[in-house]
PDB file of N, CA and C in Angstrom:
ATOM      1  N   MET A   1       6.829  -8.722   9.540  1.00  0.00           N
ATOM      2  CA  MET A   1       7.948  -8.241   8.772  1.00  0.00           C
ATOM      3  C   MET A   1       8.368  -6.902   9.344  1.00  0.00           C
ATOM      4  N   SER A   2       9.592  -6.529   9.108  1.00  0.00           N
ATOM      5  CA  SER A   2      10.067  -5.256   9.645  1.00  0.00           C
ATOM      6  C   SER A   2       9.335  -4.107   8.950  1.00  0.00           C
ATOM      7  N   PRO A   3       9.129  -3.013   9.669  1.00  0.00           N
ATOM      8  CA  PRO A   3       8.478  -1.862   9.039  1.00  0.00           C
ATOM      9  C   PRO A   3       9.254  -1.366   7.814  1.00  0.00           C
ATOM     10  N   GLU A   4      10.559  -1.419   7.891  1.00  0.00           N
ATOM     11  CA  GLU A   4      11.384  -0.954   6.775  1.00  0.00           C
ATOM     12  C   GLU A   4      11.133  -1.784   5.515  1.00  0.00           C
ATOM     13  N   LYS A   5      11.027  -3.099   5.679  1.00  0.00           N
ATOM     14  CA  LYS A   5      10.780  -3.971   4.533  1.00  0.00           C
ATOM     15  C   LYS A   5       9.389  -3.727   3.959  1.00  0.00           C
ATOM     16  N   MET A   6       8.396  -3.566   4.830  1.00  0.00           N
ATOM     17  CA  MET A   6       7.033  -3.301   4.372  1.00  0.00           C
ATOM     18  C   MET A   6       6.983  -1.992   3.587  1.00  0.00           C
ATOM     19  N   ILE A   7       7.646  -0.961   4.092  1.00  0.00           N
ATOM     20  CA  ILE A   7       7.684   0.335   3.416  1.00  0.00           C
ATOM     21  C   ILE A   7       8.370   0.193   2.052  1.00  0.00           C
ATOM     22  N   ARG A   8       9.499  -0.506   2.032  1.00  0.00           N
ATOM     23  CA  ARG A   8      10.239  -0.699   0.783  1.00  0.00           C
ATOM     24  C   ARG A   8       9.374  -1.423  -0.254  1.00  0.00           C
ATOM     25  N   MET A   9       8.696  -2.482   0.164  1.00  0.00           N
ATOM     26  CA  MET A   9       7.851  -3.248  -0.757  1.00  0.00           C
ATOM     27  C   MET A   9       6.703  -2.391  -1.304  1.00  0.00           C
ATOM     28  N   ALA A  10       6.023  -1.663  -0.430  1.00  0.00           N
ATOM     29  CA  ALA A  10       4.909  -0.815  -0.860  1.00  0.00           C
ATOM     30  C   ALA A  10       5.402   0.254  -1.835  1.00  0.00           C
ATOM     31  N   ASN A  11       6.535   0.859  -1.523  1.00  0.00           N
ATOM     32  CA  ASN A  11       7.079   1.897  -2.396  1.00  0.00           C
ATOM     33  C   ASN A  11       7.532   1.333  -3.738  1.00  0.00           C
ATOM     34  N   GLN A  12       8.033   0.103  -3.768  1.00  0.00           N
ATOM     35  CA  GLN A  12       8.414  -0.521  -5.037  1.00  0.00           C
ATOM     36  C   GLN A  12       7.194  -0.711  -5.934  1.00  0.00           C
ATOM     37  N   ILE A  13       6.087  -1.105  -5.332  1.00  0.00           N
ATOM     38  CA  ILE A  13       4.841  -1.265  -6.105  1.00  0.00           C
ATOM     39  C   ILE A  13       4.425   0.087  -6.670  1.00  0.00           C
ATOM     40  N   ALA A  14       4.452   1.114  -5.827  1.00  0.00           N
ATOM     41  CA  ALA A  14       4.071   2.454  -6.280  1.00  0.00           C
ATOM     42  C   ALA A  14       5.002   2.942  -7.386  1.00  0.00           C
ATOM     43  N   THR A  15       6.287   2.685  -7.251  1.00  0.00           N
ATOM     44  CA  THR A  15       7.247   3.112  -8.269  1.00  0.00           C
ATOM     45  C   THR A  15       6.905   2.498  -9.623  1.00  0.00           C
ATOM     46  N   PHE A  16       6.535   1.224  -9.620  1.00  0.00           N
ATOM     47  CA  PHE A  16       6.151   0.559 -10.866  1.00  0.00           C
ATOM     48  C   PHE A  16       4.981   1.270 -11.534  1.00  0.00           C
ATOM     49  N   PHE A  17       3.981   1.652 -10.743  1.00  0.00           N
ATOM     50  CA  PHE A  17       2.756   2.238 -11.304  1.00  0.00           C
ATOM     51  C   PHE A  17       2.855   3.745 -11.545  1.00  0.00           C
ATOM     52  N   GLU A  18       3.907   4.404 -11.079  1.00  0.00           N
ATOM     53  CA  GLU A  18       4.026   5.860 -11.247  1.00  0.00           C
ATOM     54  C   GLU A  18       4.074   6.296 -12.707  1.00  0.00           C
ATOM     55  N   SER A  19       4.463   5.419 -13.605  1.00  0.00           N
ATOM     56  CA  SER A  19       4.543   5.797 -15.023  1.00  0.00           C
ATOM     57  C   SER A  19       3.167   5.806 -15.695  1.00  0.00           C
ATOM     58  N   LYS A  20       2.164   5.322 -14.998  1.00  0.00           N
ATOM     59  CA  LYS A  20       0.785   5.295 -15.534  1.00  0.00           C
ATOM     60  C   LYS A  20       0.088   6.622 -15.244  1.00  0.00           C
ATOM     61  N   LYS A  21      -1.079   6.814 -15.862  1.00  0.00           N
ATOM     62  CA  LYS A  21      -1.902   7.970 -15.506  1.00  0.00           C
ATOM     63  C   LYS A  21      -2.235   7.867 -14.023  1.00  0.00           C
ATOM     64  N   HIS A  22      -2.444   9.017 -13.390  1.00  0.00           N
ATOM     65  CA  HIS A  22      -2.595   9.029 -11.929  1.00  0.00           C
ATOM     66  C   HIS A  22      -3.681   8.085 -11.423  1.00  0.00           C
ATOM     67  N   ASP A  23      -4.870   8.165 -11.992  1.00  0.00           N
ATOM     68  CA  ASP A  23      -5.962   7.304 -11.522  1.00  0.00           C
ATOM     69  C   ASP A  23      -5.622   5.825 -11.704  1.00  0.00           C
ATOM     70  N   GLU A  24      -4.977   5.506 -12.811  1.00  0.00           N
ATOM     71  CA  GLU A  24      -4.572   4.127 -13.064  1.00  0.00           C
ATOM     72  C   GLU A  24      -3.473   3.688 -12.086  1.00  0.00           C
ATOM     73  N   ALA A  25      -2.584   4.615 -11.737  1.00  0.00           N
ATOM     74  CA  ALA A  25      -1.516   4.308 -10.777  1.00  0.00           C
ATOM     75  C   ALA A  25      -2.097   4.016  -9.393  1.00  0.00           C
ATOM     76  N   VAL A  26      -3.063   4.817  -8.971  1.00  0.00           N
ATOM     77  CA  VAL A  26      -3.706   4.594  -7.667  1.00  0.00           C
ATOM     78  C   VAL A  26      -4.415   3.245  -7.672  1.00  0.00           C
ATOM     79  N   ALA A  27      -5.205   3.001  -8.707  1.00  0.00           N
ATOM     80  CA  ALA A  27      -5.957   1.748  -8.787  1.00  0.00           C
ATOM     81  C   ALA A  27      -5.019   0.545  -8.884  1.00  0.00           C
ATOM     82  N   GLY A  28      -3.965   0.660  -9.663  1.00  0.00           N
ATOM     83  CA  GLY A  28      -3.031  -0.451  -9.820  1.00  0.00           C
ATOM     84  C   GLY A  28      -2.284  -0.772  -8.545  1.00  0.00           C
ATOM     85  N   THR A  29      -1.847   0.264  -7.843  1.00  0.00           N
ATOM     86  CA  THR A  29      -1.156   0.057  -6.562  1.00  0.00           C
ATOM     87  C   THR A  29      -2.087  -0.625  -5.570  1.00  0.00           C
ATOM     88  N   ALA A  30      -3.309  -0.120  -5.472  1.00  0.00           N
ATOM     89  CA  ALA A  30      -4.286  -0.704  -4.544  1.00  0.00           C
ATOM     90  C   ALA A  30      -4.607  -2.142  -4.920  1.00  0.00           C
ATOM     91  N   ALA A  31      -4.805  -2.397  -6.198  1.00  0.00           N
ATOM     92  CA  ALA A  31      -5.159  -3.749  -6.637  1.00  0.00           C
ATOM     93  C   ALA A  31      -4.029  -4.729  -6.356  1.00  0.00           C
ATOM     94  N   HIS A  32      -2.797  -4.317  -6.622  1.00  0.00           N
ATOM     95  CA  HIS A  32      -1.670  -5.225  -6.397  1.00  0.00           C
ATOM     96  C   HIS A  32      -1.555  -5.588  -4.913  1.00  0.00           C
ATOM     97  N   ILE A  33      -1.645  -4.594  -4.055  1.00  0.00           N
ATOM     98  CA  ILE A  33      -1.540  -4.861  -2.615  1.00  0.00           C
ATOM     99  C   ILE A  33      -2.733  -5.699  -2.155  1.00  0.00           C
ATOM    100  N   SER A  34      -3.921  -5.395  -2.634  1.00  0.00           N
ATOM    101  CA  SER A  34      -5.108  -6.177  -2.254  1.00  0.00           C
ATOM    102  C   SER A  34      -4.996  -7.629  -2.695  1.00  0.00           C
ATOM    103  N   ASP A  35      -4.471  -7.838  -3.892  1.00  0.00           N
ATOM    104  CA  ASP A  35      -4.420  -9.189  -4.462  1.00  0.00           C
ATOM    105  C   ASP A  35      -3.267 -10.039  -3.941  1.00  0.00           C
ATOM    106  N   PHE A  36      -2.148  -9.414  -3.617  1.00  0.00           N
ATOM    107  CA  PHE A  36      -0.946 -10.186  -3.319  1.00  0.00           C
ATOM    108  C   PHE A  36      -0.422 -10.076  -1.897  1.00  0.00           C
ATOM    109  N   TRP A  37      -0.936  -9.155  -1.116  1.00  0.00           N
ATOM    110  CA  TRP A  37      -0.491  -9.043   0.268  1.00  0.00           C
ATOM    111  C   TRP A  37      -1.495  -9.760   1.170  1.00  0.00           C
ATOM    112  N   GLU A  38      -0.993 -10.584   2.047  1.00  0.00           N
ATOM    113  CA  GLU A  38      -1.865 -11.289   2.984  1.00  0.00           C
ATOM    114  C   GLU A  38      -2.426 -10.286   3.997  1.00  0.00           C
ATOM    115  N   PRO A  39      -3.500 -10.656   4.697  1.00  0.00           N
ATOM    116  CA  PRO A  39      -4.139  -9.730   5.633  1.00  0.00           C
ATOM    117  C   PRO A  39      -3.193  -9.125   6.676  1.00  0.00           C
ATOM    118  N   ARG A  40      -2.254  -9.919   7.198  1.00  0.00           N
ATOM    119  CA  ARG A  40      -1.331  -9.359   8.204  1.00  0.00           C
ATOM    120  C   ARG A  40      -0.474  -8.240   7.620  1.00  0.00           C
ATOM    121  N   MET A  41      -0.080  -8.386   6.372  1.00  0.00           N
ATOM    122  CA  MET A  41       0.731  -7.350   5.723  1.00  0.00           C
ATOM    123  C   MET A  41      -0.103  -6.097   5.484  1.00  0.00           C
ATOM    124  N   ARG A  42      -1.341  -6.281   5.027  1.00  0.00           N
ATOM    125  CA  ARG A  42      -2.212  -5.121   4.811  1.00  0.00           C
ATOM    126  C   ARG A  42      -2.511  -4.416   6.132  1.00  0.00           C
ATOM    127  N   LYS A  43      -2.728  -5.185   7.189  1.00  0.00           N
ATOM    128  CA  LYS A  43      -2.972  -4.576   8.505  1.00  0.00           C
ATOM    129  C   LYS A  43      -1.770  -3.746   8.948  1.00  0.00           C
ATOM    130  N   GLN A  44      -0.580  -4.303   8.744  1.00  0.00           N
ATOM    131  CA  GLN A  44       0.629  -3.571   9.110  1.00  0.00           C
ATOM    132  C   GLN A  44       0.720  -2.268   8.309  1.00  0.00           C
ATOM    133  N   LEU A  45       0.378  -2.335   7.036  1.00  0.00           N
ATOM    134  CA  LEU A  45       0.394  -1.124   6.208  1.00  0.00           C
ATOM    135  C   LEU A  45      -0.627  -0.111   6.717  1.00  0.00           C
ATOM    136  N   PHE A  46      -1.860  -0.555   6.977  1.00  0.00           N
ATOM    137  CA  PHE A  46      -2.889   0.356   7.485  1.00  0.00           C
ATOM    138  C   PHE A  46      -2.482   0.961   8.830  1.00  0.00           C
ATOM    139  N   ASP A  47      -1.904   0.151   9.702  1.00  0.00           N
ATOM    140  CA  ASP A  47      -1.446   0.661  11.002  1.00  0.00           C
ATOM    141  C   ASP A  47      -0.367   1.724  10.815  1.00  0.00           C
ATOM    142  N   HIS A  48       0.547   1.460   9.886  1.00  0.00           N
ATOM    143  CA  HIS A  48       1.641   2.409   9.637  1.00  0.00           C
ATOM    144  C   HIS A  48       1.086   3.725   9.072  1.00  0.00           C
ATOM    145  N   ILE A  49       0.145   3.618   8.166  1.00  0.00           N
ATOM    146  CA  ILE A  49      -0.469   4.826   7.608  1.00  0.00           C
ATOM    147  C   ILE A  49      -1.222   5.585   8.700  1.00  0.00           C
ATOM    148  N   GLY A  50      -1.918   4.843   9.565  1.00  0.00           N
ATOM    149  CA  GLY A  50      -2.628   5.471  10.682  1.00  0.00           C
ATOM    150  C   GLY A  50      -1.714   6.202  11.646  1.00  0.00           C
ATOM    151  N   ALA A  51      -0.462   5.763  11.701  1.00  0.00           N
ATOM    152  CA  ALA A  51       0.527   6.394  12.576  1.00  0.00           C
ATOM    153  C   ALA A  51       1.300   7.501  11.854  1.00  0.00           C
ATOM    154  N   GLY A  52       0.851   7.864  10.657  1.00  0.00           N
ATOM    155  CA  GLY A  52       1.489   8.955   9.935  1.00  0.00           C
ATOM    156  C   GLY A  52       2.074   8.574   8.589  1.00  0.00           C
ATOM    157  N   GLY A  53       2.327   7.295   8.370  1.00  0.00           N
ATOM    158  CA  GLY A  53       2.802   6.831   7.067  1.00  0.00           C
ATOM    159  C   GLY A  53       4.210   7.231   6.705  1.00  0.00           C
ATOM    160  N   GLN A  54       5.027   7.496   7.694  1.00  0.00           N
ATOM    161  CA  GLN A  54       6.392   7.952   7.432  1.00  0.00           C
ATOM    162  C   GLN A  54       7.134   7.000   6.498  1.00  0.00           C
ATOM    163  N   GLY A  55       7.746   7.571   5.470  1.00  0.00           N
ATOM    164  CA  GLY A  55       8.548   6.805   4.536  1.00  0.00           C
ATOM    165  C   GLY A  55       7.793   6.275   3.334  1.00  0.00           C
ATOM    166  N   LEU A  56       6.468   6.309   3.376  1.00  0.00           N
ATOM    167  CA  LEU A  56       5.677   5.804   2.251  1.00  0.00           C
ATOM    168  C   LEU A  56       5.505   6.879   1.189  1.00  0.00           C
ATOM    169  N   LYS A  57       5.527   6.453  -0.059  1.00  0.00           N
ATOM    170  CA  LYS A  57       5.271   7.378  -1.162  1.00  0.00           C
ATOM    171  C   LYS A  57       3.815   7.850  -1.071  1.00  0.00           C
ATOM    172  N   PRO A  58       3.557   9.089  -1.486  1.00  0.00           N
ATOM    173  CA  PRO A  58       2.184   9.591  -1.468  1.00  0.00           C
ATOM    174  C   PRO A  58       1.214   8.699  -2.245  1.00  0.00           C
ATOM    175  N   LEU A  59       1.689   8.056  -3.290  1.00  0.00           N
ATOM    176  CA  LEU A  59       0.821   7.168  -4.070  1.00  0.00           C
ATOM    177  C   LEU A  59       0.321   5.998  -3.226  1.00  0.00           C
ATOM    178  N   VAL A  60       1.160   5.452  -2.368  1.00  0.00           N
ATOM    179  CA  VAL A  60       0.746   4.349  -1.493  1.00  0.00           C
ATOM    180  C   VAL A  60      -0.324   4.836  -0.523  1.00  0.00           C
ATOM    181  N   ILE A  61      -0.104   5.997   0.034  1.00  0.00           N
ATOM    182  CA  ILE A  61      -1.064   6.537   0.998  1.00  0.00           C
ATOM    183  C   ILE A  61      -2.405   6.816   0.319  1.00  0.00           C
ATOM    184  N   GLU A  62      -2.369   7.380  -0.877  1.00  0.00           N
ATOM    185  CA  GLU A  62      -3.614   7.640  -1.599  1.00  0.00           C
ATOM    186  C   GLU A  62      -4.316   6.330  -1.970  1.00  0.00           C
ATOM    187  N   ALA A  63      -3.545   5.344  -2.399  1.00  0.00           N
ATOM    188  CA  ALA A  63      -4.118   4.048  -2.799  1.00  0.00           C
ATOM    189  C   ALA A  63      -4.718   3.297  -1.616  1.00  0.00           C
ATOM    190  N   SER A  64      -4.278   3.611  -0.411  1.00  0.00           N
ATOM    191  CA  SER A  64      -4.743   2.853   0.758  1.00  0.00           C
ATOM    192  C   SER A  64      -6.261   2.906   0.924  1.00  0.00           C
ATOM    193  N   ALA A  65      -6.887   3.957   0.453  1.00  0.00           N
ATOM    194  CA  ALA A  65      -8.347   4.058   0.549  1.00  0.00           C
ATOM    195  C   ALA A  65      -9.048   3.022  -0.322  1.00  0.00           C
ATOM    196  N   LYS A  66      -8.329   2.467  -1.307  1.00  0.00           N
ATOM    197  CA  LYS A  66      -8.917   1.489  -2.226  1.00  0.00           C
ATOM    198  C   LYS A  66      -8.410   0.074  -1.983  1.00  0.00           C
ATOM    199  N   ILE A  67      -7.524  -0.097  -1.018  1.00  0.00           N
ATOM    200  CA  ILE A  67      -6.993  -1.423  -0.707  1.00  0.00           C
ATOM    201  C   ILE A  67      -8.039  -2.189   0.091  1.00  0.00           C
ATOM    202  N   ARG A  68      -8.198  -3.473  -0.244  1.00  0.00           N
ATOM    203  CA  ARG A  68      -9.182  -4.311   0.444  1.00  0.00           C
ATOM    204  C   ARG A  68      -8.911  -4.279   1.948  1.00  0.00           C
ATOM    205  N   PRO A  69      -9.935  -3.957   2.753  1.00  0.00           N
ATOM    206  CA  PRO A  69      -9.727  -3.908   4.210  1.00  0.00           C
ATOM    207  C   PRO A  69      -9.480  -5.307   4.773  1.00  0.00           C
ATOM    208  N   VAL A  70      -8.904  -5.312   5.941  1.00  0.00           N
ATOM    209  CA  VAL A  70      -8.642  -6.571   6.644  1.00  0.00           C
ATOM    210  C   VAL A  70      -9.889  -6.907   7.440  1.00  0.00           C
ATOM    211  N   GLN A  71     -10.397  -8.126   7.234  1.00  0.00           N
ATOM    212  CA  GLN A  71     -11.599  -8.572   7.942  1.00  0.00           C
ATOM    213  C   GLN A  71     -11.226  -9.005   9.364  1.00  0.00           C
ATOM    214  N   ALA A  72     -12.035  -8.605  10.322  1.00  0.00           N
ATOM    215  CA  ALA A  72     -11.816  -9.013  11.705  1.00  0.00           C
ATOM    216  C   ALA A  72     -12.086 -10.512  11.837  1.00  0.00           C
ATOM    217  N   ALA A  73     -11.276 -11.161  12.646  1.00  0.00           N
ATOM    218  CA  ALA A  73     -11.409 -12.620  12.819  1.00  0.00           C
ATOM    219  C   ALA A  73     -12.583 -12.987  13.690  1.00  0.00           C
TER     220      ALA A  73
END
C-alpha cells in the first residue's frame, strides 16, 4: 500500500483512541493494529517508524512498542 495510505489509516486509528485516557489510547491503538493489520502492513509501519515516522501521530509511534512484531518467515 502507499505510504500515504498507511499513514492515514494509522492516524485514523489513533484519532479514534485519543479521547481515551493516555494509557488506554496507547493500548487501544496497538491492539487494533495488532489485531487487524496483516504482517505486511505492520512491517511497513515499523519500517516507516524506523525511518523517522514522518507524518504519524505521536500516539502511533508510542503505541508501536506494543504492536505485535512481525515474525520472520
